[in-house]
Amino acid sequence: MNAIVSIAKTTVGEAIRRRVLLVILLIGVLFLVVAPGLSVLTARQSYTVLTSFTLGVIQLTSAVIAIVLTVYLIPNEIERRTIYTILSKPVQRWQFLVGKFLGAVAALALMMTLMTVTMGLVFMIMRQGSGMEALGGLFRVPLMFFVQMSLLAAVAVFFSTFVSPIVNFFLSGGVYLVGTFFNPLFDTFSKNENLPAIVKGSATIIHMIVPNFANFNVQNQVINPGAVITNEATYYLQLVAYAVFYVLVFLIGGILVFDRREV
């Protein structure tokens, strides 16, 4: 356990020092800061557009950070040959991989927290009449985004064990796009009795393999107050359990690949 914690701490430090991540984070924060310019709209439009804009910026920025943060985790260690020093100590390969993942998730949490706090400040400036209850509902969305991005980080860590960073970037991004925009469609196809068996079978396989990232897009309940989730606590717990399951699947897959790889 000490080895995992040490590797995680080192990974967090490396992430904070990486300029490209800080640049991406700064761009996201700047977009959030300029959001008050939306006040030229009507009150209702202002609330809807402000909420959609700020949450969209956090989601997009977090996705880019999650991928960029993780695609270099294993390749960089191999290229710099620091992995030989680490593995020469009493550190198992699975501990190294898990430590890297946890460090990446911790760094991602820090960066998303900064963006969420900025969003909260922007929201309070523009919506001074809103109470803490409204802010509480707003903050639940970035929390689900964090769960979503942790799952995306697990996908990128898995690919990083056997492909180059550039290939990994497009693979992980592709999985995220498919899981966000097309996985719900595959779910519908798999349940449609009128489609040919081969189409239903293919849709079912894709739906099972590719995580449904769209599940974590819960911002509609904030943007449209009329949309209500029945039994929110159970719903959010199910989302977290779904993410944990897929994170474990990708981490175990990555460990099996990395354990058999020559470095």
C-alpha atoms as a PDB file:
ATOM      1  CA  MET A   1       0.000   0.000   0.000  1.00  0.00           C
ATOM      2  CA  ASN A   2       2.866   2.392   0.779  1.00  0.00           C
ATOM      3  CA  ALA A   3       4.264   1.828  -2.709  1.00  0.00           C
ATOM      4  CA  ILE A   4       0.931   2.722  -4.329  1.00  0.00           C
ATOM      5  CA  VAL A   5       0.587   5.892  -2.238  1.00  0.00           C
ATOM      6  CA  SER A   6       4.168   6.966  -3.022  1.00  0.00           C
ATOM      7  CA  ILE A   7       3.680   6.461  -6.761  1.00  0.00           C
ATOM      8  CA  ALA A   8       0.345   8.313  -6.613  1.00  0.00           C
ATOM      9  CA  LYS A   9       1.946  11.298  -4.836  1.00  0.00           C
ATOM     10  CA  THR A  10       4.757  11.429  -7.390  1.00  0.00           C
ATOM     11  CA  THR A  11       2.217  11.315 -10.220  1.00  0.00           C
ATOM     12  CA  VAL A  12       0.271  14.231  -8.728  1.00  0.00           C
ATOM     13  CA  GLY A  13       3.460  16.286  -8.482  1.00  0.00           C
ATOM     14  CA  GLU A  14       4.392  15.501 -12.078  1.00  0.00           C
ATOM     15  CA  ALA A  15       0.904  16.450 -13.276  1.00  0.00           C
ATOM     16  CA  ILE A  16       1.013  19.805 -11.504  1.00  0.00           C
ATOM     17  CA  ARG A  17       4.389  20.580 -13.082  1.00  0.00           C
ATOM     18  CA  ARG A  18       3.268  19.720 -16.606  1.00  0.00           C
ATOM     19  CA  ARG A  19       2.764  22.948 -18.511  1.00  0.00           C
ATOM     20  CA  VAL A  20       0.369  21.572 -21.094  1.00  0.00           C
ATOM     21  CA  LEU A  21      -2.104  20.540 -18.393  1.00  0.00           C
ATOM     22  CA  LEU A  22      -1.839  23.916 -16.689  1.00  0.00           C
ATOM     23  CA  VAL A  23      -2.443  25.657 -20.009  1.00  0.00           C
ATOM     24  CA  ILE A  24      -5.563  23.559 -20.645  1.00  0.00           C
ATOM     25  CA  LEU A  25      -6.748  24.264 -17.097  1.00  0.00           C
ATOM     26  CA  LEU A  26      -6.100  27.995 -17.495  1.00  0.00           C
ATOM     27  CA  ILE A  27      -8.098  28.085 -20.737  1.00  0.00           C
ATOM     28  CA  GLY A  28     -11.013  26.358 -19.009  1.00  0.00           C
ATOM     29  CA  VAL A  29     -10.915  28.797 -16.064  1.00  0.00           C
ATOM     30  CA  LEU A  30     -10.739  31.785 -18.431  1.00  0.00           C
ATOM     31  CA  PHE A  31     -13.835  30.578 -20.283  1.00  0.00           C
ATOM     32  CA  LEU A  32     -15.635  30.320 -16.947  1.00  0.00           C
ATOM     33  CA  VAL A  33     -14.531  33.817 -15.955  1.00  0.00           C
ATOM     34  CA  VAL A  34     -15.924  35.384 -19.154  1.00  0.00           C
ATOM     35  CA  ALA A  35     -19.304  33.739 -18.561  1.00  0.00           C
ATOM     36  CA  PRO A  36     -20.761  36.860 -16.835  1.00  0.00           C
ATOM     37  CA  GLY A  37     -20.824  38.423 -20.319  1.00  0.00           C
ATOM     38  CA  LEU A  38     -23.963  36.367 -20.845  1.00  0.00           C
ATOM     39  CA  SER A  39     -25.861  38.828 -18.652  1.00  0.00           C
ATOM     40  CA  VAL A  40     -26.948  40.692 -21.804  1.00  0.00           C
ATOM     41  CA  LEU A  41     -29.624  38.037 -22.227  1.00  0.00           C
ATOM     42  CA  THR A  42     -33.001  37.933 -20.474  1.00  0.00           C
ATOM     43  CA  ALA A  43     -33.135  36.511 -16.949  1.00  0.00           C
ATOM     44  CA  ARG A  44     -34.385  33.074 -18.037  1.00  0.00           C
ATOM     45  CA  GLN A  45     -32.068  32.878 -21.023  1.00  0.00           C
ATOM     46  CA  SER A  46     -29.189  34.093 -18.903  1.00  0.00           C
ATOM     47  CA  TYR A  47     -29.670  31.299 -16.361  1.00  0.00           C
ATOM     48  CA  THR A  48     -30.059  28.569 -18.971  1.00  0.00           C
ATOM     49  CA  VAL A  49     -27.160  29.683 -21.151  1.00  0.00           C
ATOM     50  CA  LEU A  50     -24.889  30.403 -18.168  1.00  0.00           C
ATOM     51  CA  THR A  51     -25.514  26.980 -16.663  1.00  0.00           C
ATOM     52  CA  SER A  52     -25.134  25.139 -19.962  1.00  0.00           C
ATOM     53  CA  PHE A  53     -22.005  27.101 -20.873  1.00  0.00           C
ATOM     54  CA  THR A  54     -20.181  26.710 -17.553  1.00  0.00           C
ATOM     55  CA  LEU A  55     -20.997  23.013 -17.181  1.00  0.00           C
ATOM     56  CA  GLY A  56     -20.043  22.387 -20.812  1.00  0.00           C
ATOM     57  CA  VAL A  57     -16.689  24.108 -20.303  1.00  0.00           C
ATOM     58  CA  ILE A  58     -15.974  22.013 -17.199  1.00  0.00           C
ATOM     59  CA  GLN A  59     -16.901  18.771 -18.958  1.00  0.00           C
ATOM     60  CA  LEU A  60     -14.913  19.440 -22.114  1.00  0.00           C
ATOM     61  CA  THR A  61     -11.850  20.764 -20.282  1.00  0.00           C
ATOM     62  CA  SER A  62     -11.923  17.866 -17.821  1.00  0.00           C
ATOM     63  CA  ALA A  63     -12.148  15.317 -20.651  1.00  0.00           C
ATOM     64  CA  VAL A  64      -9.098  16.786 -22.393  1.00  0.00           C
ATOM     65  CA  ILE A  65      -7.174  16.931 -19.101  1.00  0.00           C
ATOM     66  CA  ALA A  66      -8.123  13.343 -18.219  1.00  0.00           C
ATOM     67  CA  ILE A  67      -6.844  12.027 -21.547  1.00  0.00           C
ATOM     68  CA  VAL A  68      -3.696  14.173 -21.769  1.00  0.00           C
ATOM     69  CA  LEU A  69      -2.909  13.414 -18.138  1.00  0.00           C
ATOM     70  CA  THR A  70      -3.023   9.636 -18.566  1.00  0.00           C
ATOM     71  CA  VAL A  71      -1.820   8.857 -22.094  1.00  0.00           C
ATOM     72  CA  TYR A  72       1.788   9.584 -21.097  1.00  0.00           C
ATOM     73  CA  LEU A  73       1.784   7.810 -17.720  1.00  0.00           C
ATOM     74  CA  ILE A  74       3.410   4.536 -18.795  1.00  0.00           C
ATOM     75  CA  PRO A  75       5.216   5.586 -22.033  1.00  0.00           C
ATOM     76  CA  ASN A  76       7.017   8.465 -20.271  1.00  0.00           C
ATOM     77  CA  GLU A  77       8.309   6.197 -17.538  1.00  0.00           C
ATOM     78  CA  ILE A  78       9.578   3.724 -20.118  1.00  0.00           C
ATOM     79  CA  GLU A  79      11.133   6.414 -22.323  1.00  0.00           C
ATOM     80  CA  ARG A  80      12.945   8.047 -19.406  1.00  0.00           C
ATOM     81  CA  ARG A  81      13.877   4.593 -18.080  1.00  0.00           C
ATOM     82  CA  THR A  82      12.709   5.571 -14.596  1.00  0.00           C
ATOM     83  CA  ILE A  83      10.458   2.534 -14.615  1.00  0.00           C
ATOM     84  CA  TYR A  84      13.514   0.278 -14.219  1.00  0.00           C
ATOM     85  CA  THR A  85      14.484   2.064 -11.016  1.00  0.00           C
ATOM     86  CA  ILE A  86      10.944   1.804  -9.669  1.00  0.00           C
ATOM     87  CA  LEU A  87      10.415  -1.856 -10.546  1.00  0.00           C
ATOM     88  CA  SER A  88      13.857  -2.787  -9.184  1.00  0.00           C
ATOM     89  CA  LYS A  89      12.484  -1.920  -5.753  1.00  0.00           C
ATOM     90  CA  PRO A  90       9.889  -4.056  -3.950  1.00  0.00           C
ATOM     91  CA  VAL A  91       7.153  -2.700  -6.217  1.00  0.00           C
ATOM     92  CA  GLN A  92       4.891  -4.974  -8.225  1.00  0.00           C
ATOM     93  CA  ARG A  93       3.740  -3.947 -11.694  1.00  0.00           C
ATOM     94  CA  TRP A  94       0.117  -3.846 -10.612  1.00  0.00           C
ATOM     95  CA  GLN A  95       1.057  -1.514  -7.754  1.00  0.00           C
ATOM     96  CA  PHE A  96       2.835   0.761 -10.210  1.00  0.00           C
ATOM     97  CA  LEU A  97      -0.168   0.895 -12.543  1.00  0.00           C
ATOM     98  CA  VAL A  98      -2.723   1.407  -9.767  1.00  0.00           C
ATOM     99  CA  GLY A  99      -0.543   4.089  -8.171  1.00  0.00           C
ATOM    100  CA  LYS A 100      -0.265   5.916 -11.483  1.00  0.00           C
ATOM    101  CA  PHE A 101      -4.030   5.775 -11.994  1.00  0.00           C
ATOM    102  CA  LEU A 102      -4.833   6.990  -8.471  1.00  0.00           C
ATOM    103  CA  GLY A 103      -2.312   9.815  -8.832  1.00  0.00           C
ATOM    104  CA  ALA A 104      -3.873  10.868 -12.127  1.00  0.00           C
ATOM    105  CA  VAL A 105      -7.354  10.800 -10.579  1.00  0.00           C
ATOM    106  CA  ALA A 106      -6.143  12.875  -7.610  1.00  0.00           C
ATOM    107  CA  ALA A 107      -4.586  15.469  -9.943  1.00  0.00           C
ATOM    108  CA  LEU A 108      -7.778  15.495 -11.998  1.00  0.00           C
ATOM    109  CA  ALA A 109      -9.788  16.070  -8.809  1.00  0.00           C
ATOM    110  CA  LEU A 110      -7.646  19.096  -7.894  1.00  0.00           C
ATOM    111  CA  MET A 111      -8.053  20.666 -11.322  1.00  0.00           C
ATOM    112  CA  MET A 112     -11.793  19.990 -11.499  1.00  0.00           C
ATOM    113  CA  THR A 113     -12.224  21.406  -7.987  1.00  0.00           C
ATOM    114  CA  LEU A 114     -10.599  24.660  -9.125  1.00  0.00           C
ATOM    115  CA  MET A 115     -12.926  24.892 -12.110  1.00  0.00           C
ATOM    116  CA  THR A 116     -15.969  24.033  -9.977  1.00  0.00           C
ATOM    117  CA  VAL A 117     -15.120  26.708  -7.396  1.00  0.00           C
ATOM    118  CA  THR A 118     -14.693  29.221 -10.221  1.00  0.00           C
ATOM    119  CA  MET A 119     -18.053  28.180 -11.629  1.00  0.00           C
ATOM    120  CA  GLY A 120     -19.653  28.647  -8.209  1.00  0.00           C
ATOM    121  CA  LEU A 121     -18.241  32.164  -7.901  1.00  0.00           C
ATOM    122  CA  VAL A 122     -19.436  33.073 -11.384  1.00  0.00           C
ATOM    123  CA  PHE A 123     -22.869  31.643 -10.634  1.00  0.00           C
ATOM    124  CA  MET A 124     -23.154  33.598  -7.346  1.00  0.00           C
ATOM    125  CA  ILE A 125     -22.134  36.850  -9.049  1.00  0.00           C
ATOM    126  CA  MET A 126     -24.761  36.497 -11.761  1.00  0.00           C
ATOM    127  CA  ARG A 127     -27.460  34.837  -9.648  1.00  0.00           C
ATOM    128  CA  GLN A 128     -27.230  36.746  -6.388  1.00  0.00           C
ATOM    129  CA  GLY A 129     -30.773  35.827  -5.428  1.00  0.00           C
ATOM    130  CA  SER A 130     -30.044  32.092  -5.563  1.00  0.00           C
ATOM    131  CA  GLY A 131     -29.624  30.214  -2.311  1.00  0.00           C
ATOM    132  CA  MET A 132     -27.230  27.481  -1.289  1.00  0.00           C
ATOM    133  CA  GLU A 133     -29.755  24.825  -2.293  1.00  0.00           C
ATOM    134  CA  ALA A 134     -29.483  25.914  -5.920  1.00  0.00           C
ATOM    135  CA  LEU A 135     -25.693  25.854  -5.718  1.00  0.00           C
ATOM    136  CA  GLY A 136     -25.803  22.411  -4.132  1.00  0.00           C
ATOM    137  CA  GLY A 137     -27.783  21.078  -7.069  1.00  0.00           C
ATOM    138  CA  LEU A 138     -25.357  22.742  -9.456  1.00  0.00           C
ATOM    139  CA  PHE A 139     -22.298  21.207  -7.757  1.00  0.00           C
ATOM    140  CA  ARG A 140     -23.678  17.680  -8.106  1.00  0.00           C
ATOM    141  CA  VAL A 141     -23.132  17.873 -11.864  1.00  0.00           C
ATOM    142  CA  PRO A 142     -19.318  18.406 -11.725  1.00  0.00           C
ATOM    143  CA  LEU A 143     -19.201  15.605  -9.159  1.00  0.00           C
ATOM    144  CA  MET A 144     -20.736  13.231 -11.679  1.00  0.00           C
ATOM    145  CA  PHE A 145     -18.395  14.645 -14.313  1.00  0.00           C
ATOM    146  CA  PHE A 146     -15.500  13.684 -12.026  1.00  0.00           C
ATOM    147  CA  VAL A 147     -16.788  10.107 -11.832  1.00  0.00           C
ATOM    148  CA  GLN A 148     -17.130  10.143 -15.617  1.00  0.00           C
ATOM    149  CA  MET A 149     -13.583  11.448 -16.129  1.00  0.00           C
ATOM    150  CA  SER A 150     -12.152   8.932 -13.665  1.00  0.00           C
ATOM    151  CA  LEU A 151     -13.650   6.230 -15.866  1.00  0.00           C
ATOM    152  CA  LEU A 152     -12.170   7.922 -18.936  1.00  0.00           C
ATOM    153  CA  ALA A 153      -8.776   8.009 -17.190  1.00  0.00           C
ATOM    154  CA  ALA A 154      -9.038   4.252 -16.580  1.00  0.00           C
ATOM    155  CA  VAL A 155      -9.700   3.736 -20.305  1.00  0.00           C
ATOM    156  CA  ALA A 156      -6.615   5.806 -21.205  1.00  0.00           C
ATOM    157  CA  VAL A 157      -4.453   3.966 -18.642  1.00  0.00           C
ATOM    158  CA  PHE A 158      -5.514   0.665 -20.171  1.00  0.00           C
ATOM    159  CA  PHE A 159      -4.532   1.777 -23.679  1.00  0.00           C
ATOM    160  CA  SER A 160      -1.266   3.298 -22.393  1.00  0.00           C
ATOM    161  CA  THR A 161       0.020  -0.174 -21.562  1.00  0.00           C
ATOM    162  CA  PHE A 162       0.329  -1.186 -25.209  1.00  0.00           C
ATOM    163  CA  VAL A 163      -0.030   1.815 -27.579  1.00  0.00           C
ATOM    164  CA  SER A 164       1.808   5.088 -28.120  1.00  0.00           C
ATOM    165  CA  PRO A 165       0.514   8.328 -26.550  1.00  0.00           C
ATOM    166  CA  ILE A 166      -0.737   9.755 -29.860  1.00  0.00           C
ATOM    167  CA  VAL A 167      -2.653   6.592 -30.739  1.00  0.00           C
ATOM    168  CA  ASN A 168      -3.941   6.436 -27.172  1.00  0.00           C
ATOM    169  CA  PHE A 169      -5.212  10.023 -27.392  1.00  0.00           C
ATOM    170  CA  PHE A 170      -7.405   9.215 -30.387  1.00  0.00           C
ATOM    171  CA  LEU A 171      -8.446   5.800 -29.056  1.00  0.00           C
ATOM    172  CA  SER A 172      -9.504   7.155 -25.666  1.00  0.00           C
ATOM    173  CA  GLY A 173     -11.161  10.169 -27.273  1.00  0.00           C
ATOM    174  CA  GLY A 174     -12.982   7.865 -29.675  1.00  0.00           C
ATOM    175  CA  VAL A 175     -14.220   5.635 -26.857  1.00  0.00           C
ATOM    176  CA  TYR A 176     -15.425   8.716 -24.983  1.00  0.00           C
ATOM    177  CA  LEU A 177     -17.278  10.077 -28.024  1.00  0.00           C
ATOM    178  CA  VAL A 178     -18.850   6.711 -28.815  1.00  0.00           C
ATOM    179  CA  GLY A 179     -19.825   6.193 -25.176  1.00  0.00           C
ATOM    180  CA  THR A 180     -21.295   9.684 -24.962  1.00  0.00           C
ATOM    181  CA  PHE A 181     -23.144  10.083 -28.248  1.00  0.00           C
ATOM    182  CA  PHE A 182     -23.658   6.592 -29.679  1.00  0.00           C
ATOM    183  CA  ASN A 183     -23.844   4.150 -26.762  1.00  0.00           C
ATOM    184  CA  PRO A 184     -27.432   5.165 -25.888  1.00  0.00           C
ATOM    185  CA  LEU A 185     -28.287   4.509 -29.537  1.00  0.00           C
ATOM    186  CA  PHE A 186     -26.686   1.050 -29.388  1.00  0.00           C
ATOM    187  CA  ASP A 187     -28.722   0.355 -26.248  1.00  0.00           C
ATOM    188  CA  THR A 188     -31.895   1.211 -28.145  1.00  0.00           C
ATOM    189  CA  PHE A 189     -30.874  -1.016 -31.063  1.00  0.00           C
ATOM    190  CA  SER A 190     -30.138  -3.949 -28.729  1.00  0.00           C
ATOM    191  CA  LYS A 191     -33.702  -3.757 -27.351  1.00  0.00           C
ATOM    192  CA  ASN A 192     -35.439  -3.298 -30.696  1.00  0.00           C
ATOM    193  CA  GLU A 193     -37.191  -6.540 -31.616  1.00  0.00           C
ATOM    194  CA  ASN A 194     -37.722  -5.457 -35.219  1.00  0.00           C
ATOM    195  CA  LEU A 195     -34.027  -5.288 -36.126  1.00  0.00           C
ATOM    196  CA  PRO A 196     -32.094  -8.252 -37.617  1.00  0.00           C
ATOM    197  CA  ALA A 197     -30.384 -10.516 -35.092  1.00  0.00           C
ATOM    198  CA  ILE A 198     -26.885  -9.608 -36.305  1.00  0.00           C
ATOM    199  CA  VAL A 199     -27.586  -5.888 -35.830  1.00  0.00           C
ATOM    200  CA  LYS A 200     -29.024  -6.473 -32.357  1.00  0.00           C
ATOM    201  CA  GLY A 201     -26.123  -8.722 -31.431  1.00  0.00           C
ATOM    202  CA  SER A 202     -23.504  -6.225 -32.610  1.00  0.00           C
ATOM    203  CA  ALA A 203     -25.246  -3.374 -30.815  1.00  0.00           C
ATOM    204  CA  THR A 204     -25.432  -5.420 -27.620  1.00  0.00           C
ATOM    205  CA  ILE A 205     -21.707  -6.262 -27.732  1.00  0.00           C
ATOM    206  CA  ILE A 206     -20.704  -2.634 -28.347  1.00  0.00           C
ATOM    207  CA  HIS A 207     -23.073  -1.454 -25.604  1.00  0.00           C
ATOM    208  CA  MET A 208     -21.516  -3.894 -23.125  1.00  0.00           C
ATOM    209  CA  ILE A 209     -17.870  -3.224 -24.024  1.00  0.00           C
ATOM    210  CA  VAL A 210     -17.949   0.563 -24.386  1.00  0.00           C
ATOM    211  CA  PRO A 211     -18.904   2.369 -21.159  1.00  0.00           C
ATOM    212  CA  ASN A 212     -21.983   4.527 -21.453  1.00  0.00           C
ATOM    213  CA  PHE A 213     -20.481   7.912 -20.582  1.00  0.00           C
ATOM    214  CA  ALA A 214     -23.817   9.565 -21.348  1.00  0.00           C
ATOM    215  CA  ASN A 215     -25.166   8.139 -18.075  1.00  0.00           C
ATOM    216  CA  PHE A 216     -23.165  10.745 -16.164  1.00  0.00           C
ATOM    217  CA  ASN A 217     -24.555  13.757 -18.062  1.00  0.00           C
ATOM    218  CA  VAL A 218     -27.006  14.798 -15.347  1.00  0.00           C
ATOM    219  CA  GLN A 219     -26.952  18.529 -16.120  1.00  0.00           C
ATOM    220  CA  ASN A 220     -30.436  18.436 -17.644  1.00  0.00           C
ATOM    221  CA  GLN A 221     -31.961  18.401 -14.147  1.00  0.00           C
ATOM    222  CA  VAL A 222     -30.122  21.643 -13.327  1.00  0.00           C
ATOM    223  CA  ILE A 223     -30.735  23.403 -16.636  1.00  0.00           C
ATOM    224  CA  ASN A 224     -34.410  22.378 -16.707  1.00  0.00           C
ATOM    225  CA  PRO A 225     -35.826  22.585 -13.153  1.00  0.00           C
ATOM    226  CA  GLY A 226     -38.922  20.727 -14.320  1.00  0.00           C
ATOM    227  CA  ALA A 227     -36.885  17.566 -14.907  1.00  0.00           C
ATOM    228  CA  VAL A 228     -36.815  15.556 -11.688  1.00  0.00           C
ATOM    229  CA  ILE A 229     -34.881  12.394 -10.856  1.00  0.00           C
ATOM    230  CA  THR A 230     -36.872   9.896  -8.820  1.00  0.00           C
ATOM    231  CA  ASN A 231     -34.885   8.748  -5.778  1.00  0.00           C
ATOM    232  CA  GLU A 232     -31.724  10.765  -6.504  1.00  0.00           C
ATOM    233  CA  ALA A 233     -29.553   9.013  -3.892  1.00  0.00           C
ATOM    234  CA  THR A 234     -30.153   5.585  -5.431  1.00  0.00           C
ATOM    235  CA  TYR A 235     -29.683   6.937  -8.934  1.00  0.00           C
ATOM    236  CA  TYR A 236     -26.309   8.524  -8.166  1.00  0.00           C
ATOM    237  CA  LEU A 237     -25.118   5.476  -6.239  1.00  0.00           C
ATOM    238  CA  GLN A 238     -25.949   3.299  -9.235  1.00  0.00           C
ATOM    239  CA  LEU A 239     -23.920   5.616 -11.473  1.00  0.00           C
ATOM    240  CA  VAL A 240     -20.932   5.417  -9.127  1.00  0.00           C
ATOM    241  CA  ALA A 241     -21.214   1.616  -8.924  1.00  0.00           C
ATOM    242  CA  TYR A 242     -21.414   1.434 -12.741  1.00  0.00           C
ATOM    243  CA  ALA A 243     -18.253   3.559 -13.050  1.00  0.00           C
ATOM    244  CA  VAL A 244     -16.368   1.569 -10.394  1.00  0.00           C
ATOM    245  CA  PHE A 245     -17.192  -1.676 -12.203  1.00  0.00           C
ATOM    246  CA  TYR A 246     -15.791  -0.434 -15.518  1.00  0.00           C
ATOM    247  CA  VAL A 247     -12.782   1.188 -13.835  1.00  0.00           C
ATOM    248  CA  LEU A 248     -11.918  -2.172 -12.279  1.00  0.00           C
ATOM    249  CA  VAL A 249     -12.408  -3.927 -15.622  1.00  0.00           C
ATOM    250  CA  PHE A 250     -10.039  -1.562 -17.444  1.00  0.00           C
ATOM    251  CA  LEU A 251      -7.475  -1.552 -14.634  1.00  0.00           C
ATOM    252  CA  ILE A 252      -7.433  -5.345 -14.439  1.00  0.00           C
ATOM    253  CA  GLY A 253      -7.121  -5.500 -18.223  1.00  0.00           C
ATOM    254  CA  GLY A 254      -4.261  -2.996 -18.109  1.00  0.00           C
ATOM    255  CA  ILE A 255      -2.510  -4.934 -15.339  1.00  0.00           C
ATOM    256  CA  LEU A 256      -2.748  -8.185 -17.322  1.00  0.00           C
ATOM    257  CA  VAL A 257      -1.301  -6.519 -20.440  1.00  0.00           C
ATOM    258  CA  PHE A 258       1.395  -4.598 -18.567  1.00  0.00           C
ATOM    259  CA  ASP A 259       2.408  -7.670 -16.581  1.00  0.00           C
ATOM    260  CA  ARG A 260       3.222  -9.516 -19.818  1.00  0.00           C
ATOM    261  CA  ARG A 261       4.911  -6.594 -21.542  1.00  0.00           C
ATOM    262  CA  GLU A 262       8.674  -6.331 -21.806  1.00  0.00           C
ATOM    263  CA  VAL A 263       9.934  -2.941 -20.659  1.00  0.00           C
END
